[in-house]
């Protein structure tokens, strides 16, 4: 099932995706246990969210075993790229410059992060 604009993950869905990216394919119970480390979430709530995510094409469910195992339908990088692209269009009228300037002014950037940003810019200039 192809993802559409309406399949953009909600905050709670992003939490589940982060768990799956970090831990690999997981059952609802495993995801729920990890979610409960930060905030008490009922098993049925997690199950319903993951069923909705399956319908939206955000996760893929393997039903071959006794327990259903879920994995992200897209990589973390691809999902982040989709979200940033959407934010770029909606909030910054497509201006990457405005997005980057806001991002760099919103939070203190470490010297290590700044060095990686400079390296990326140098690579982009060389292309």
N, C-alpha and C. Protein backbone atom coordinates (compact mmCIF):
# COMPACT_ATOMS: atom_id res chain seq x y z
N UNK A 1 0.85 -1.18 0.00
CA UNK A 1 0.00 0.00 0.00
C UNK A 1 0.89 1.24 0.00
N UNK A 2 0.71 2.14 -0.91
CA UNK A 2 1.52 3.34 -1.00
C UNK A 2 1.09 4.35 0.06
N UNK A 3 2.08 5.06 0.58
CA UNK A 3 1.79 6.06 1.59
C UNK A 3 1.38 7.35 0.91
N UNK A 4 0.42 8.03 1.51
CA UNK A 4 -0.04 9.31 0.99
C UNK A 4 0.19 10.37 2.04
N UNK A 5 -0.14 11.63 1.69
CA UNK A 5 0.01 12.71 2.65
C UNK A 5 -0.75 12.42 3.94
N UNK A 6 -1.91 11.80 3.83
CA UNK A 6 -2.71 11.51 5.01
C UNK A 6 -2.05 10.44 5.89
N UNK A 7 -1.03 9.75 5.37
CA UNK A 7 -0.37 8.72 6.15
C UNK A 7 0.82 9.28 6.94
N UNK A 8 0.91 10.60 7.00
CA UNK A 8 1.96 11.22 7.80
C UNK A 8 1.75 10.78 9.25
N UNK A 9 2.79 10.27 9.92
CA UNK A 9 2.60 9.76 11.28
C UNK A 9 2.30 10.85 12.30
N UNK A 10 1.42 10.52 13.23
CA UNK A 10 1.13 11.40 14.36
C UNK A 10 2.29 11.29 15.35
N UNK A 11 2.27 12.09 16.40
CA UNK A 11 3.32 12.04 17.42
C UNK A 11 3.40 10.66 18.06
N UNK A 12 2.25 10.10 18.41
CA UNK A 12 2.23 8.76 19.04
C UNK A 12 2.74 7.70 18.06
N UNK A 13 2.37 7.83 16.80
CA UNK A 13 2.84 6.88 15.80
C UNK A 13 4.35 7.00 15.61
N UNK A 14 4.87 8.21 15.67
CA UNK A 14 6.33 8.41 15.58
C UNK A 14 7.04 7.76 16.76
N UNK A 15 6.43 7.81 17.93
CA UNK A 15 7.01 7.14 19.10
C UNK A 15 7.13 5.64 18.82
N UNK A 16 6.08 5.05 18.27
CA UNK A 16 6.11 3.62 17.94
C UNK A 16 7.14 3.34 16.86
N UNK A 17 7.19 4.18 15.84
CA UNK A 17 8.20 3.99 14.78
C UNK A 17 9.61 4.05 15.34
N UNK A 18 9.88 5.01 16.25
CA UNK A 18 11.22 5.11 16.86
C UNK A 18 11.57 3.82 17.61
N UNK A 19 10.59 3.27 18.31
CA UNK A 19 10.82 2.01 19.03
C UNK A 19 11.17 0.90 18.05
N UNK A 20 10.44 0.81 16.95
CA UNK A 20 10.70 -0.22 15.95
C UNK A 20 12.04 0.00 15.26
N UNK A 21 12.40 1.25 14.97
CA UNK A 21 13.71 1.52 14.36
C UNK A 21 14.84 1.15 15.32
N UNK A 22 14.65 1.45 16.60
CA UNK A 22 15.69 1.16 17.60
C UNK A 22 15.79 -0.32 17.94
N UNK A 23 14.65 -0.99 18.07
CA UNK A 23 14.64 -2.37 18.57
C UNK A 23 14.47 -3.43 17.49
N UNK A 24 14.11 -3.01 16.29
CA UNK A 24 13.87 -3.99 15.23
C UNK A 24 12.45 -4.51 15.30
N UNK A 25 12.09 -5.47 14.43
CA UNK A 25 10.74 -6.01 14.39
C UNK A 25 10.30 -6.45 15.79
N UNK A 26 9.06 -6.08 16.16
CA UNK A 26 8.58 -6.32 17.52
C UNK A 26 7.10 -6.64 17.53
N UNK A 27 6.69 -7.31 18.60
CA UNK A 27 5.27 -7.57 18.83
C UNK A 27 4.64 -6.34 19.48
N UNK A 28 3.33 -6.31 19.52
CA UNK A 28 2.62 -5.22 20.19
C UNK A 28 3.05 -5.15 21.66
N UNK A 29 3.14 -6.31 22.30
CA UNK A 29 3.53 -6.36 23.71
C UNK A 29 4.92 -5.74 23.92
N UNK A 30 5.87 -6.07 23.07
CA UNK A 30 7.22 -5.52 23.20
C UNK A 30 7.20 -4.00 23.02
N UNK A 31 6.45 -3.52 22.04
CA UNK A 31 6.34 -2.07 21.81
C UNK A 31 5.68 -1.42 23.02
N UNK A 32 4.61 -2.03 23.51
CA UNK A 32 3.89 -1.48 24.65
C UNK A 32 4.77 -1.40 25.90
N UNK A 33 5.56 -2.43 26.14
CA UNK A 33 6.47 -2.42 27.29
C UNK A 33 7.48 -1.27 27.19
N UNK A 34 8.00 -1.04 26.00
CA UNK A 34 8.95 0.06 25.81
C UNK A 34 8.26 1.41 25.98
N UNK A 35 7.04 1.54 25.45
CA UNK A 35 6.30 2.79 25.61
C UNK A 35 6.02 3.06 27.09
N UNK A 36 5.76 2.02 27.86
CA UNK A 36 5.44 2.18 29.28
C UNK A 36 6.64 2.60 30.13
N UNK A 37 7.84 2.56 29.56
CA UNK A 37 9.01 3.05 30.28
C UNK A 37 8.92 4.56 30.49
N UNK A 38 8.25 5.26 29.57
CA UNK A 38 8.14 6.72 29.63
C UNK A 38 6.76 7.19 30.08
N UNK A 39 5.73 6.51 29.64
CA UNK A 39 4.36 6.95 29.92
C UNK A 39 3.45 5.72 29.91
N UNK A 40 2.57 5.62 30.90
CA UNK A 40 1.68 4.48 31.00
C UNK A 40 0.71 4.48 29.81
N UNK A 41 0.82 3.44 28.99
CA UNK A 41 -0.05 3.28 27.82
C UNK A 41 -0.64 1.88 27.87
N UNK A 42 -1.94 1.79 27.74
CA UNK A 42 -2.60 0.49 27.76
C UNK A 42 -2.26 -0.35 26.54
N UNK A 43 -2.24 -1.65 26.75
CA UNK A 43 -1.94 -2.58 25.66
C UNK A 43 -2.91 -2.39 24.50
N UNK A 44 -4.20 -2.27 24.80
CA UNK A 44 -5.19 -2.15 23.72
C UNK A 44 -5.02 -0.84 22.95
N UNK A 45 -4.55 0.21 23.63
CA UNK A 45 -4.28 1.48 22.94
C UNK A 45 -3.14 1.30 21.95
N UNK A 46 -2.07 0.63 22.41
CA UNK A 46 -0.92 0.37 21.52
C UNK A 46 -1.34 -0.51 20.35
N UNK A 47 -2.14 -1.55 20.64
CA UNK A 47 -2.62 -2.44 19.59
C UNK A 47 -3.42 -1.65 18.55
N UNK A 48 -4.34 -0.81 18.99
CA UNK A 48 -5.18 -0.04 18.07
C UNK A 48 -4.32 0.91 17.23
N UNK A 49 -3.36 1.57 17.87
CA UNK A 49 -2.46 2.47 17.13
C UNK A 49 -1.71 1.70 16.05
N UNK A 50 -1.22 0.52 16.38
CA UNK A 50 -0.44 -0.25 15.42
C UNK A 50 -1.32 -0.82 14.30
N UNK A 51 -2.58 -1.12 14.61
CA UNK A 51 -3.52 -1.54 13.56
C UNK A 51 -3.78 -0.38 12.59
N UNK A 52 -3.96 0.82 13.14
CA UNK A 52 -4.17 2.00 12.30
C UNK A 52 -2.92 2.26 11.45
N UNK A 53 -1.74 2.12 12.07
CA UNK A 53 -0.49 2.33 11.34
C UNK A 53 -0.34 1.33 10.20
N UNK A 54 -0.84 0.11 10.40
CA UNK A 54 -0.80 -0.91 9.34
C UNK A 54 -1.69 -0.47 8.18
N UNK A 55 -2.89 0.01 8.51
CA UNK A 55 -3.82 0.49 7.48
C UNK A 55 -3.25 1.68 6.72
N UNK A 56 -2.53 2.55 7.42
CA UNK A 56 -1.93 3.73 6.80
C UNK A 56 -0.67 3.41 6.00
N UNK A 57 -0.16 2.19 6.15
CA UNK A 57 1.05 1.80 5.44
C UNK A 57 2.32 2.24 6.14
N UNK A 58 2.24 2.59 7.42
CA UNK A 58 3.42 3.02 8.17
C UNK A 58 4.22 1.84 8.71
N UNK A 59 3.52 0.74 9.00
CA UNK A 59 4.18 -0.47 9.46
C UNK A 59 3.66 -1.66 8.65
N UNK A 60 4.45 -2.72 8.66
CA UNK A 60 4.09 -3.96 7.99
C UNK A 60 3.95 -5.03 9.08
N UNK A 61 2.88 -5.80 9.00
CA UNK A 61 2.62 -6.84 10.01
C UNK A 61 2.90 -8.21 9.42
N UNK A 62 3.75 -8.97 10.10
CA UNK A 62 4.03 -10.36 9.71
C UNK A 62 3.12 -11.26 10.53
N UNK A 63 2.20 -11.92 9.86
CA UNK A 63 1.21 -12.76 10.53
C UNK A 63 1.55 -14.25 10.43
N UNK A 64 2.78 -14.57 10.03
CA UNK A 64 3.13 -15.97 9.80
C UNK A 64 3.32 -16.76 11.09
N UNK A 65 3.65 -16.09 12.18
CA UNK A 65 3.85 -16.79 13.45
C UNK A 65 2.64 -16.68 14.35
N UNK A 66 2.78 -17.25 15.56
CA UNK A 66 1.70 -17.20 16.54
C UNK A 66 1.41 -15.76 16.95
N UNK A 67 2.46 -14.98 17.13
CA UNK A 67 2.30 -13.56 17.46
C UNK A 67 2.59 -12.73 16.22
N UNK A 68 1.83 -11.68 16.04
CA UNK A 68 2.08 -10.78 14.91
C UNK A 68 3.29 -9.92 15.24
N UNK A 69 4.18 -9.79 14.27
CA UNK A 69 5.39 -9.00 14.44
C UNK A 69 5.31 -7.83 13.46
N UNK A 70 5.61 -6.64 13.97
CA UNK A 70 5.52 -5.42 13.18
C UNK A 70 6.91 -4.87 12.90
N UNK A 71 7.04 -4.27 11.73
CA UNK A 71 8.28 -3.56 11.39
C UNK A 71 7.90 -2.31 10.60
N UNK A 72 8.75 -1.30 10.65
CA UNK A 72 8.46 -0.07 9.90
C UNK A 72 8.41 -0.34 8.40
N UNK A 73 7.52 0.34 7.72
CA UNK A 73 7.43 0.19 6.27
C UNK A 73 8.52 0.99 5.56
N UNK A 74 9.05 2.00 6.24
CA UNK A 74 10.10 2.85 5.66
C UNK A 74 11.21 3.05 6.68
N UNK A 75 12.38 3.38 6.20
CA UNK A 75 13.50 3.65 7.09
C UNK A 75 13.27 4.95 7.86
N UNK A 76 14.02 5.10 8.93
CA UNK A 76 13.94 6.34 9.70
C UNK A 76 14.32 7.54 8.83
N UNK A 77 15.37 7.38 8.04
CA UNK A 77 15.83 8.46 7.17
C UNK A 77 14.75 8.87 6.16
N UNK A 78 14.11 7.89 5.55
CA UNK A 78 13.07 8.18 4.55
C UNK A 78 11.88 8.90 5.19
N UNK A 79 11.50 8.45 6.38
CA UNK A 79 10.38 9.08 7.09
C UNK A 79 10.73 10.50 7.49
N UNK A 80 11.93 10.70 8.00
CA UNK A 80 12.37 12.05 8.37
C UNK A 80 12.40 12.97 7.15
N UNK A 81 12.87 12.44 6.05
CA UNK A 81 12.93 13.23 4.81
C UNK A 81 11.53 13.65 4.37
N UNK A 82 10.57 12.73 4.48
CA UNK A 82 9.17 13.04 4.13
C UNK A 82 8.62 14.14 5.05
N UNK A 83 8.88 14.01 6.36
CA UNK A 83 8.37 14.98 7.32
C UNK A 83 9.01 16.35 7.13
N UNK A 84 10.32 16.37 6.89
CA UNK A 84 11.01 17.65 6.66
C UNK A 84 10.52 18.29 5.37
N UNK A 85 10.33 17.49 4.34
CA UNK A 85 9.82 18.02 3.07
C UNK A 85 8.45 18.64 3.24
N UNK A 86 7.61 17.98 4.02
CA UNK A 86 6.27 18.50 4.28
C UNK A 86 6.35 19.80 5.08
N UNK A 87 7.18 19.81 6.12
CA UNK A 87 7.37 21.03 6.92
C UNK A 87 7.94 22.16 6.06
N UNK A 88 8.89 21.84 5.22
CA UNK A 88 9.50 22.83 4.33
C UNK A 88 8.45 23.52 3.47
N UNK A 89 7.55 22.73 2.91
CA UNK A 89 6.50 23.30 2.05
C UNK A 89 5.46 24.07 2.86
N UNK A 90 5.00 23.48 3.96
CA UNK A 90 3.91 24.09 4.72
C UNK A 90 4.33 25.33 5.50
N UNK A 91 5.49 25.29 6.15
CA UNK A 91 5.87 26.38 7.05
C UNK A 91 6.86 27.37 6.45
N UNK A 92 7.61 26.94 5.43
CA UNK A 92 8.68 27.79 4.90
C UNK A 92 8.55 28.07 3.41
N UNK A 93 7.38 27.83 2.86
CA UNK A 93 7.11 28.08 1.44
C UNK A 93 8.18 27.50 0.52
N UNK A 94 8.71 26.34 0.91
CA UNK A 94 9.70 25.67 0.09
C UNK A 94 11.11 26.20 0.22
N UNK A 95 11.36 27.16 1.10
CA UNK A 95 12.68 27.76 1.26
C UNK A 95 13.55 26.97 2.24
N UNK A 96 14.52 26.23 1.69
CA UNK A 96 15.44 25.47 2.53
C UNK A 96 16.28 26.43 3.39
N UNK A 97 16.61 27.58 2.84
CA UNK A 97 17.39 28.57 3.60
C UNK A 97 16.66 28.97 4.88
N UNK A 98 15.38 29.30 4.76
CA UNK A 98 14.60 29.70 5.93
C UNK A 98 14.51 28.57 6.95
N UNK A 99 14.30 27.36 6.47
CA UNK A 99 14.22 26.20 7.35
C UNK A 99 15.52 26.02 8.13
N UNK A 100 16.64 26.04 7.44
CA UNK A 100 17.94 25.85 8.08
C UNK A 100 18.24 26.98 9.05
N UNK A 101 17.97 28.20 8.66
CA UNK A 101 18.23 29.35 9.54
C UNK A 101 17.39 29.23 10.82
N UNK A 102 16.12 28.85 10.70
CA UNK A 102 15.26 28.68 11.88
C UNK A 102 15.77 27.55 12.76
N UNK A 103 16.13 26.45 12.11
CA UNK A 103 16.61 25.28 12.87
C UNK A 103 17.88 25.61 13.65
N UNK A 104 18.79 26.34 13.01
CA UNK A 104 20.06 26.67 13.68
C UNK A 104 19.88 27.73 14.77
N UNK A 105 18.86 28.56 14.64
CA UNK A 105 18.65 29.60 15.66
C UNK A 105 17.72 29.13 16.79
N UNK A 106 17.05 28.03 16.61
CA UNK A 106 16.09 27.55 17.60
C UNK A 106 16.75 26.88 18.80
N UNK A 107 17.93 26.32 18.59
CA UNK A 107 18.58 25.54 19.64
C UNK A 107 20.08 25.64 19.46
N UNK A 108 20.82 25.68 20.58
CA UNK A 108 22.28 25.75 20.50
C UNK A 108 22.81 24.51 19.78
N UNK A 109 23.69 24.75 18.83
CA UNK A 109 24.28 23.68 18.04
C UNK A 109 25.66 23.39 18.59
N UNK A 110 25.96 22.11 18.83
CA UNK A 110 27.28 21.73 19.35
C UNK A 110 28.34 21.92 18.26
N UNK A 111 29.58 22.02 18.69
CA UNK A 111 30.69 22.17 17.74
C UNK A 111 30.76 20.96 16.81
N UNK A 112 30.48 19.78 17.36
CA UNK A 112 30.51 18.55 16.55
C UNK A 112 29.43 18.58 15.48
N UNK A 113 28.20 19.00 15.87
CA UNK A 113 27.11 19.09 14.90
C UNK A 113 27.43 20.13 13.83
N UNK A 114 27.96 21.26 14.27
CA UNK A 114 28.30 22.33 13.33
C UNK A 114 29.37 21.87 12.33
N UNK A 115 30.34 21.10 12.80
CA UNK A 115 31.38 20.58 11.91
C UNK A 115 30.77 19.64 10.87
N UNK A 116 29.81 18.79 11.29
CA UNK A 116 29.15 17.89 10.34
C UNK A 116 28.31 18.66 9.33
N UNK A 117 27.66 19.73 9.79
CA UNK A 117 26.86 20.56 8.90
C UNK A 117 27.76 21.22 7.86
N UNK A 118 28.90 21.76 8.31
CA UNK A 118 29.85 22.40 7.38
C UNK A 118 30.37 21.38 6.36
N UNK A 119 30.67 20.17 6.82
CA UNK A 119 31.16 19.12 5.91
C UNK A 119 30.09 18.81 4.87
N UNK A 120 28.83 18.69 5.29
CA UNK A 120 27.73 18.41 4.35
C UNK A 120 27.61 19.54 3.34
N UNK A 121 27.69 20.78 3.80
CA UNK A 121 27.60 21.93 2.88
C UNK A 121 28.74 21.91 1.87
N UNK A 122 29.94 21.59 2.33
CA UNK A 122 31.09 21.50 1.43
C UNK A 122 30.87 20.41 0.37
N UNK A 123 30.29 19.27 0.81
CA UNK A 123 30.03 18.18 -0.14
C UNK A 123 28.97 18.59 -1.15
N UNK A 124 27.95 19.29 -0.68
CA UNK A 124 26.90 19.74 -1.58
C UNK A 124 27.41 20.77 -2.59
N UNK A 125 28.32 21.64 -2.14
CA UNK A 125 28.90 22.63 -3.06
C UNK A 125 29.73 21.95 -4.13
N UNK A 126 30.39 20.85 -3.76
CA UNK A 126 31.27 20.13 -4.69
C UNK A 126 30.51 19.36 -5.75
N UNK A 127 29.23 19.14 -5.55
CA UNK A 127 28.44 18.35 -6.52
C UNK A 127 28.09 19.15 -7.74
